[in-house]
Amino acid sequence: MSADLIQALEMLGQGMLGIFVVLGVIALFVILMQKLGGGK
């Protein structure tokens, strides 16, 4: 049972890491768009 719990925690950690990576990429993209389209 503890093995399943550890596996679940690892999956949760990977999922959270993936979410943070996606949010980081989106944030960089938004900043880049603001710099390129600063005239608006």
Protein backbone atom coordinates (compact mmCIF):
# COMPACT_ATOMS: atom_id res chain seq x y z
CA MET A 1 0.00 0.00 0.00
CA SER A 2 2.84 2.40 0.79
CA ALA A 3 4.28 1.76 -2.69
CA ASP A 4 1.01 2.92 -4.26
CA LEU A 5 1.05 6.01 -2.05
CA ILE A 6 4.63 6.82 -3.07
CA GLN A 7 3.75 6.34 -6.75
CA ALA A 8 0.72 8.62 -6.36
CA LEU A 9 2.87 11.31 -4.71
CA GLU A 10 5.43 11.02 -7.52
CA MET A 11 2.69 11.44 -10.14
CA LEU A 12 1.33 14.44 -8.21
CA GLY A 13 4.81 15.99 -8.07
CA GLN A 14 5.36 15.49 -11.79
CA GLY A 15 1.94 16.98 -12.53
CA MET A 16 2.63 20.05 -10.41
CA LEU A 17 6.06 20.45 -12.01
CA GLY A 18 4.45 20.28 -15.46
CA ILE A 19 1.88 22.90 -14.46
CA PHE A 20 4.60 25.25 -13.19
CA VAL A 21 6.59 24.79 -16.42
CA VAL A 22 3.52 25.60 -18.53
CA LEU A 23 2.70 28.66 -16.41
CA GLY A 24 6.31 29.83 -16.73
CA VAL A 25 6.25 29.48 -20.51
CA ILE A 26 2.93 31.36 -20.72
CA ALA A 27 4.30 34.14 -18.47
CA LEU A 28 7.40 34.52 -20.66
CA PHE A 29 5.22 34.55 -23.78
CA VAL A 30 2.99 37.29 -22.32
CA ILE A 31 6.01 39.40 -21.32
CA LEU A 32 7.49 38.95 -24.80
CA MET A 33 4.20 39.98 -26.44
CA GLN A 34 4.01 43.08 -24.21
CA LYS A 35 7.55 44.09 -25.17
CA LEU A 36 6.98 43.51 -28.91
CA GLY A 37 3.52 45.14 -28.91
CA GLY A 38 4.29 47.98 -26.53
CA GLY A 39 2.82 50.52 -28.93
CA LYS A 40 -0.76 49.56 -28.14
